PDB file of N, CA and C in Angstrom:
ATOM      1  N   UNK A   1     -18.719  -4.790  23.999  1.00  0.00           N
ATOM      2  CA  UNK A   1     -17.508  -5.195  23.292  1.00  0.00           C
ATOM      3  C   UNK A   1     -16.519  -4.072  23.132  1.00  0.00           C
ATOM      4  N   UNK A   2     -16.979  -2.958  22.804  1.00  0.00           N
ATOM      5  CA  UNK A   2     -16.120  -1.785  22.574  1.00  0.00           C
ATOM      6  C   UNK A   2     -15.418  -1.359  23.919  1.00  0.00           C
ATOM      7  N   UNK A   3     -16.160  -1.546  25.024  1.00  0.00           N
ATOM      8  CA  UNK A   3     -15.515  -1.308  26.356  1.00  0.00           C
ATOM      9  C   UNK A   3     -14.377  -2.195  26.672  1.00  0.00           C
ATOM     10  N   UNK A   4     -14.483  -3.502  26.245  1.00  0.00           N
ATOM     11  CA  UNK A   4     -13.363  -4.426  26.399  1.00  0.00           C
ATOM     12  C   UNK A   4     -12.194  -4.037  25.599  1.00  0.00           C
ATOM     13  N   UNK A   5     -12.345  -3.549  24.439  1.00  0.00           N
ATOM     14  CA  UNK A   5     -11.274  -3.194  23.514  1.00  0.00           C
ATOM     15  C   UNK A   5     -10.705  -1.957  24.078  1.00  0.00           C
ATOM     16  N   UNK A   6     -11.463  -1.004  24.558  1.00  0.00           N
ATOM     17  CA  UNK A   6     -10.911   0.201  25.104  1.00  0.00           C
ATOM     18  C   UNK A   6     -10.068  -0.077  26.346  1.00  0.00           C
ATOM     19  N   UNK A   7     -10.541  -1.047  27.183  1.00  0.00           N
ATOM     20  CA  UNK A   7      -9.700  -1.307  28.386  1.00  0.00           C
ATOM     21  C   UNK A   7      -8.416  -1.998  28.007  1.00  0.00           C
ATOM     22  N   UNK A   8      -8.484  -2.974  26.944  1.00  0.00           N
ATOM     23  CA  UNK A   8      -7.292  -3.581  26.431  1.00  0.00           C
ATOM     24  C   UNK A   8      -6.260  -2.569  25.896  1.00  0.00           C
ATOM     25  N   UNK A   9      -6.769  -1.596  25.139  1.00  0.00           N
ATOM     26  CA  UNK A   9      -5.984  -0.590  24.491  1.00  0.00           C
ATOM     27  C   UNK A   9      -5.324   0.271  25.586  1.00  0.00           C
ATOM     28  N   UNK A  10      -6.106   0.623  26.630  1.00  0.00           N
ATOM     29  CA  UNK A  10      -5.502   1.451  27.816  1.00  0.00           C
ATOM     30  C   UNK A  10      -4.429   0.653  28.490  1.00  0.00           C
ATOM     31  N   UNK A  11      -4.625  -0.618  28.642  1.00  0.00           N
ATOM     32  CA  UNK A  11      -3.606  -1.455  29.292  1.00  0.00           C
ATOM     33  C   UNK A  11      -2.328  -1.414  28.524  1.00  0.00           C
ATOM     34  N   UNK A  12      -2.447  -1.668  27.167  1.00  0.00           N
ATOM     35  CA  UNK A  12      -1.222  -1.653  26.239  1.00  0.00           C
ATOM     36  C   UNK A  12      -0.536  -0.356  26.254  1.00  0.00           C
ATOM     37  N   UNK A  13      -1.355   0.707  26.268  1.00  0.00           N
ATOM     38  CA  UNK A  13      -0.804   2.060  26.250  1.00  0.00           C
ATOM     39  C   UNK A  13      -0.053   2.353  27.553  1.00  0.00           C
ATOM     40  N   UNK A  14      -0.679   1.973  28.708  1.00  0.00           N
ATOM     41  CA  UNK A  14       0.075   2.183  29.993  1.00  0.00           C
ATOM     42  C   UNK A  14       1.250   1.395  30.040  1.00  0.00           C
ATOM     43  N   UNK A  15       1.301   0.096  29.557  1.00  0.00           N
ATOM     44  CA  UNK A  15       2.429  -0.755  29.598  1.00  0.00           C
ATOM     45  C   UNK A  15       3.542  -0.152  28.712  1.00  0.00           C
ATOM     46  N   UNK A  16       3.200   0.301  27.610  1.00  0.00           N
ATOM     47  CA  UNK A  16       4.180   0.918  26.665  1.00  0.00           C
ATOM     48  C   UNK A  16       4.752   2.168  27.245  1.00  0.00           C
ATOM     49  N   UNK A  17       3.929   3.038  27.853  1.00  0.00           N
ATOM     50  CA  UNK A  17       4.344   4.281  28.459  1.00  0.00           C
ATOM     51  C   UNK A  17       5.341   4.065  29.566  1.00  0.00           C
ATOM     52  N   UNK A  18       5.313   2.921  30.214  1.00  0.00           N
ATOM     53  CA  UNK A  18       6.139   2.705  31.372  1.00  0.00           C
ATOM     54  C   UNK A  18       7.508   2.127  30.976  1.00  0.00           C
ATOM     55  N   UNK A  19       7.664   1.753  29.757  1.00  0.00           N
ATOM     56  CA  UNK A  19       8.869   1.139  29.269  1.00  0.00           C
ATOM     57  C   UNK A  19      10.013   2.193  29.085  1.00  0.00           C
ATOM     58  N   UNK A  20      11.231   1.718  29.089  1.00  0.00           N
ATOM     59  CA  UNK A  20      12.335   2.589  28.768  1.00  0.00           C
ATOM     60  C   UNK A  20      12.265   3.081  27.333  1.00  0.00           C
ATOM     61  N   UNK A  21      12.742   4.229  27.004  1.00  0.00           N
ATOM     62  CA  UNK A  21      12.597   4.821  25.705  1.00  0.00           C
ATOM     63  C   UNK A  21      13.070   4.047  24.577  1.00  0.00           C
ATOM     64  N   UNK A  22      14.255   3.497  24.668  1.00  0.00           N
ATOM     65  CA  UNK A  22      14.719   2.595  23.530  1.00  0.00           C
ATOM     66  C   UNK A  22      13.863   1.409  23.280  1.00  0.00           C
ATOM     67  N   UNK A  23      13.283   0.811  24.365  1.00  0.00           N
ATOM     68  CA  UNK A  23      12.343  -0.322  24.157  1.00  0.00           C
ATOM     69  C   UNK A  23      11.043   0.220  23.427  1.00  0.00           C
ATOM     70  N   UNK A  24      10.551   1.413  23.852  1.00  0.00           N
ATOM     71  CA  UNK A  24       9.440   2.005  23.188  1.00  0.00           C
ATOM     72  C   UNK A  24       9.633   2.175  21.698  1.00  0.00           C
ATOM     73  N   UNK A  25      10.771   2.708  21.388  1.00  0.00           N
ATOM     74  CA  UNK A  25      11.230   2.999  20.018  1.00  0.00           C
ATOM     75  C   UNK A  25      11.213   1.738  19.251  1.00  0.00           C
ATOM     76  N   UNK A  26      11.863   0.666  19.743  1.00  0.00           N
ATOM     77  CA  UNK A  26      11.970  -0.568  19.013  1.00  0.00           C
ATOM     78  C   UNK A  26      10.615  -1.244  18.775  1.00  0.00           C
ATOM     79  N   UNK A  27       9.703  -1.206  19.808  1.00  0.00           N
ATOM     80  CA  UNK A  27       8.399  -1.732  19.706  1.00  0.00           C
ATOM     81  C   UNK A  27       7.570  -0.994  18.726  1.00  0.00           C
ATOM     82  N   UNK A  28       7.575   0.367  18.729  1.00  0.00           N
ATOM     83  CA  UNK A  28       6.794   1.139  17.811  1.00  0.00           C
ATOM     84  C   UNK A  28       7.241   0.937  16.340  1.00  0.00           C
ATOM     85  N   UNK A  29       8.652   0.927  16.141  1.00  0.00           N
ATOM     86  CA  UNK A  29       9.137   0.620  14.822  1.00  0.00           C
ATOM     87  C   UNK A  29       8.753  -0.767  14.389  1.00  0.00           C
ATOM     88  N   UNK A  30       8.802  -1.799  15.285  1.00  0.00           N
ATOM     89  CA  UNK A  30       8.478  -3.160  14.891  1.00  0.00           C
ATOM     90  C   UNK A  30       7.016  -3.280  14.433  1.00  0.00           C
ATOM     91  N   UNK A  31       6.141  -2.390  14.951  1.00  0.00           N
ATOM     92  CA  UNK A  31       4.703  -2.434  14.535  1.00  0.00           C
ATOM     93  C   UNK A  31       4.487  -1.537  13.376  1.00  0.00           C
ATOM     94  N   UNK A  32       4.992  -0.276  13.441  1.00  0.00           N
ATOM     95  CA  UNK A  32       4.674   0.677  12.381  1.00  0.00           C
ATOM     96  C   UNK A  32       5.384   0.406  11.044  1.00  0.00           C
ATOM     97  N   UNK A  33       6.607  -0.043  11.042  1.00  0.00           N
ATOM     98  CA  UNK A  33       7.337  -0.343   9.780  1.00  0.00           C
ATOM     99  C   UNK A  33       6.563  -1.402   8.898  1.00  0.00           C
ATOM    100  N   UNK A  34       6.198  -2.533   9.323  1.00  0.00           N
ATOM    101  CA  UNK A  34       5.458  -3.425   8.565  1.00  0.00           C
ATOM    102  C   UNK A  34       4.136  -2.885   8.166  1.00  0.00           C
ATOM    103  N   UNK A  35       3.424  -2.236   9.029  1.00  0.00           N
ATOM    104  CA  UNK A  35       2.190  -1.638   8.783  1.00  0.00           C
ATOM    105  C   UNK A  35       2.238  -0.595   7.602  1.00  0.00           C
ATOM    106  N   UNK A  36       3.280   0.257   7.691  1.00  0.00           N
ATOM    107  CA  UNK A  36       3.433   1.274   6.670  1.00  0.00           C
ATOM    108  C   UNK A  36       3.861   0.583   5.299  1.00  0.00           C
ATOM    109  N   UNK A  37       4.700  -0.388   5.380  1.00  0.00           N
ATOM    110  CA  UNK A  37       5.070  -1.120   4.066  1.00  0.00           C
ATOM    111  C   UNK A  37       3.867  -1.709   3.465  1.00  0.00           C
ATOM    112  N   UNK A  38       3.047  -2.357   4.310  1.00  0.00           N
ATOM    113  CA  UNK A  38       1.796  -2.963   3.773  1.00  0.00           C
ATOM    114  C   UNK A  38       0.880  -1.977   3.202  1.00  0.00           C
ATOM    115  N   UNK A  39       0.648  -0.806   3.839  1.00  0.00           N
ATOM    116  CA  UNK A  39      -0.251   0.191   3.370  1.00  0.00           C
ATOM    117  C   UNK A  39       0.277   0.740   2.087  1.00  0.00           C
ATOM    118  N   UNK A  40       1.645   0.903   1.982  1.00  0.00           N
ATOM    119  CA  UNK A  40       2.239   1.483   0.767  1.00  0.00           C
ATOM    120  C   UNK A  40       2.004   0.494  -0.409  1.00  0.00           C
ATOM    121  N   UNK A  41       2.180  -0.764  -0.133  1.00  0.00           N
ATOM    122  CA  UNK A  41       1.999  -1.812  -1.145  1.00  0.00           C
ATOM    123  C   UNK A  41       0.514  -1.716  -1.658  1.00  0.00           C
ATOM    124  N   UNK A  42      -0.417  -1.674  -0.654  1.00  0.00           N
ATOM    125  CA  UNK A  42      -1.871  -1.637  -1.059  1.00  0.00           C
ATOM    126  C   UNK A  42      -2.134  -0.362  -1.916  1.00  0.00           C
ATOM    127  N   UNK A  43      -1.608   0.781  -1.450  1.00  0.00           N
ATOM    128  CA  UNK A  43      -1.867   2.053  -2.169  1.00  0.00           C
ATOM    129  C   UNK A  43      -1.305   1.966  -3.548  1.00  0.00           C
ATOM    130  N   UNK A  44      -0.091   1.386  -3.753  1.00  0.00           N
ATOM    131  CA  UNK A  44       0.523   1.296  -5.084  1.00  0.00           C
ATOM    132  C   UNK A  44      -0.271   0.352  -5.949  1.00  0.00           C
ATOM    133  N   UNK A  45      -0.765  -0.731  -5.401  1.00  0.00           N
ATOM    134  CA  UNK A  45      -1.531  -1.686  -6.184  1.00  0.00           C
ATOM    135  C   UNK A  45      -2.847  -1.004  -6.562  1.00  0.00           C
ATOM    136  N   UNK A  46      -3.484  -0.228  -5.700  1.00  0.00           N
ATOM    137  CA  UNK A  46      -4.704   0.470  -5.994  1.00  0.00           C
ATOM    138  C   UNK A  46      -4.593   1.474  -7.102  1.00  0.00           C
ATOM    139  N   UNK A  47      -3.442   2.216  -7.025  1.00  0.00           N
ATOM    140  CA  UNK A  47      -3.140   3.299  -8.037  1.00  0.00           C
ATOM    141  C   UNK A  47      -2.857   2.629  -9.412  1.00  0.00           C
ATOM    142  N   UNK A  48      -2.088   1.576  -9.416  1.00  0.00           N
ATOM    143  CA  UNK A  48      -1.733   0.836 -10.601  1.00  0.00           C
ATOM    144  C   UNK A  48      -3.059   0.281 -11.214  1.00  0.00           C
ATOM    145  N   UNK A  49      -3.897  -0.297 -10.454  1.00  0.00           N
ATOM    146  CA  UNK A  49      -5.184  -0.827 -10.968  1.00  0.00           C
ATOM    147  C   UNK A  49      -6.054   0.271 -11.484  1.00  0.00           C
ATOM    148  N   UNK A  50      -6.133   1.429 -10.782  1.00  0.00           N
ATOM    149  CA  UNK A  50      -6.952   2.531 -11.231  1.00  0.00           C
ATOM    150  C   UNK A  50      -6.402   3.158 -12.528  1.00  0.00           C
ATOM    151  N   UNK A  51      -5.075   3.198 -12.675  1.00  0.00           N
ATOM    152  CA  UNK A  51      -4.487   3.725 -13.915  1.00  0.00           C
ATOM    153  C   UNK A  51      -4.716   2.802 -15.137  1.00  0.00           C
ATOM    154  N   UNK A  52      -4.834   1.495 -14.963  1.00  0.00           N
ATOM    155  CA  UNK A  52      -4.998   0.598 -16.077  1.00  0.00           C
ATOM    156  C   UNK A  52      -6.473   0.319 -16.347  1.00  0.00           C
ATOM    157  N   UNK A  53      -7.325   0.737 -15.452  1.00  0.00           N
ATOM    158  CA  UNK A  53      -8.792   0.419 -15.572  1.00  0.00           C
ATOM    159  C   UNK A  53      -9.372   1.069 -16.914  1.00  0.00           C
ATOM    160  N   UNK A  54      -9.137   2.318 -17.222  1.00  0.00           N
ATOM    161  CA  UNK A  54      -9.648   2.845 -18.426  1.00  0.00           C
ATOM    162  C   UNK A  54      -9.148   2.089 -19.685  1.00  0.00           C
ATOM    163  N   UNK A  55      -7.835   1.663 -19.717  1.00  0.00           N
ATOM    164  CA  UNK A  55      -7.401   0.910 -20.828  1.00  0.00           C
ATOM    165  C   UNK A  55      -8.060  -0.363 -20.955  1.00  0.00           C
ATOM    166  N   UNK A  56      -8.365  -1.048 -19.830  1.00  0.00           N
ATOM    167  CA  UNK A  56      -9.055  -2.316 -19.873  1.00  0.00           C
ATOM    168  C   UNK A  56     -10.526  -2.215 -20.306  1.00  0.00           C
ATOM    169  N   UNK A  57     -11.165  -1.068 -19.935  1.00  0.00           N
ATOM    170  CA  UNK A  57     -12.517  -0.830 -20.273  1.00  0.00           C
ATOM    171  C   UNK A  57     -12.609  -0.552 -21.712  1.00  0.00           C
ATOM    172  N   UNK A  58     -11.862   0.378 -22.268  1.00  0.00           N
ATOM    173  CA  UNK A  58     -11.917   0.858 -23.594  1.00  0.00           C
ATOM    174  C   UNK A  58     -11.176  -0.054 -24.587  1.00  0.00           C
ATOM    175  N   UNK A  59     -10.162  -0.812 -24.195  1.00  0.00           N
ATOM    176  CA  UNK A  59      -9.377  -1.633 -25.019  1.00  0.00           C
ATOM    177  C   UNK A  59      -8.257  -0.716 -25.487  1.00  0.00           C
ATOM    178  N   UNK A  60      -7.280  -1.364 -26.268  1.00  0.00           N
ATOM    179  CA  UNK A  60      -6.243  -0.548 -26.758  1.00  0.00           C
ATOM    180  C   UNK A  60      -6.660   0.143 -28.014  1.00  0.00           C
ATOM    181  N   UNK A  61      -6.075   1.317 -28.261  1.00  0.00           N
ATOM    182  CA  UNK A  61      -6.479   2.018 -29.457  1.00  0.00           C
ATOM    183  C   UNK A  61      -5.925   1.509 -30.699  1.00  0.00           C
ATOM    184  N   UNK A  62      -6.696   1.176 -31.651  1.00  0.00           N
ATOM    185  CA  UNK A  62      -6.171   0.478 -32.894  1.00  0.00           C
ATOM    186  C   UNK A  62      -6.133   1.554 -33.952  1.00  0.00           C
ATOM    187  N   UNK A  63      -5.030   2.246 -34.061  1.00  0.00           N
ATOM    188  CA  UNK A  63      -4.933   3.179 -35.093  1.00  0.00           C
ATOM    189  C   UNK A  63      -3.463   3.468 -35.212  1.00  0.00           C
ATOM    190  N   UNK A  64      -2.976   4.051 -36.229  1.00  0.00           N
ATOM    191  CA  UNK A  64      -1.619   4.516 -36.315  1.00  0.00           C
ATOM    192  C   UNK A  64      -0.680   3.356 -36.341  1.00  0.00           C
ATOM    193  N   UNK A  65       0.558   3.609 -36.941  1.00  0.00           N
ATOM    194  CA  UNK A  65       1.632   2.551 -37.044  1.00  0.00           C
ATOM    195  C   UNK A  65       2.281   2.368 -35.644  1.00  0.00           C
ATOM    196  N   UNK A  66       2.355   3.429 -34.872  1.00  0.00           N
ATOM    197  CA  UNK A  66       3.084   3.272 -33.623  1.00  0.00           C
ATOM    198  C   UNK A  66       2.411   2.210 -32.749  1.00  0.00           C
ATOM    199  N   UNK A  67       1.012   2.199 -32.667  1.00  0.00           N
ATOM    200  CA  UNK A  67       0.419   1.254 -31.680  1.00  0.00           C
ATOM    201  C   UNK A  67       0.505  -0.139 -32.305  1.00  0.00           C
ATOM    202  N   UNK A  68       0.404  -0.229 -33.621  1.00  0.00           N
ATOM    203  CA  UNK A  68       0.567  -1.560 -34.307  1.00  0.00           C
ATOM    204  C   UNK A  68       1.985  -2.167 -34.080  1.00  0.00           C
ATOM    205  N   UNK A  69       3.012  -1.356 -34.169  1.00  0.00           N
ATOM    206  CA  UNK A  69       4.402  -1.725 -34.007  1.00  0.00           C
ATOM    207  C   UNK A  69       4.664  -2.104 -32.524  1.00  0.00           C
ATOM    208  N   UNK A  70       4.009  -1.404 -31.569  1.00  0.00           N
ATOM    209  CA  UNK A  70       4.196  -1.667 -30.137  1.00  0.00           C
ATOM    210  C   UNK A  70       3.462  -3.010 -29.824  1.00  0.00           C
ATOM    211  N   UNK A  71       2.354  -3.263 -30.480  1.00  0.00           N
ATOM    212  CA  UNK A  71       1.606  -4.561 -30.233  1.00  0.00           C
ATOM    213  C   UNK A  71       2.513  -5.747 -30.747  1.00  0.00           C
ATOM    214  N   UNK A  72       3.213  -5.473 -31.813  1.00  0.00           N
ATOM    215  CA  UNK A  72       4.030  -6.606 -32.359  1.00  0.00           C
ATOM    216  C   UNK A  72       5.384  -6.732 -31.632  1.00  0.00           C
ATOM    217  N   UNK A  73       5.638  -5.883 -30.691  1.00  0.00           N
ATOM    218  CA  UNK A  73       6.859  -5.965 -29.880  1.00  0.00           C
ATOM    219  C   UNK A  73       8.046  -5.216 -30.520  1.00  0.00           C
ATOM    220  N   UNK A  74       7.804  -4.413 -31.440  1.00  0.00           N
ATOM    221  CA  UNK A  74       8.902  -3.611 -32.056  1.00  0.00           C
ATOM    222  C   UNK A  74       9.097  -2.321 -31.293  1.00  0.00           C
ATOM    223  N   UNK A  75      10.370  -1.928 -31.266  1.00  0.00           N
ATOM    224  CA  UNK A  75      10.632  -0.691 -30.540  1.00  0.00           C
ATOM    225  C   UNK A  75      10.190   0.522 -31.421  1.00  0.00           C
ATOM    226  N   UNK A  76       9.454   1.457 -30.780  1.00  0.00           N
ATOM    227  CA  UNK A  76       9.022   2.665 -31.449  1.00  0.00           C
ATOM    228  C   UNK A  76       9.907   3.773 -31.133  1.00  0.00           C
ATOM    229  N   UNK A  77      10.505   4.426 -32.213  1.00  0.00           N
ATOM    230  CA  UNK A  77      11.417   5.524 -31.920  1.00  0.00           C
ATOM    231  C   UNK A  77      10.920   6.865 -32.265  1.00  0.00           C
TER     232      UNK A  77
END
């Protein structure tokens, strides 16, 4: 199976290398741009989840007037 994938990849690479440079550029951007956007979105989602995980595990801290006002929706100055 891996041999077939390697042959397919070699064929794609050879085909791309034979193209005119502007065509190569457009094809690479058309593949890499959505891939990078998707990976950035996944990384951001993962970091956001990791940053909120301790708060979810421990719960909100119930002490002090600031946290009580924040829970009620009041602006804390």
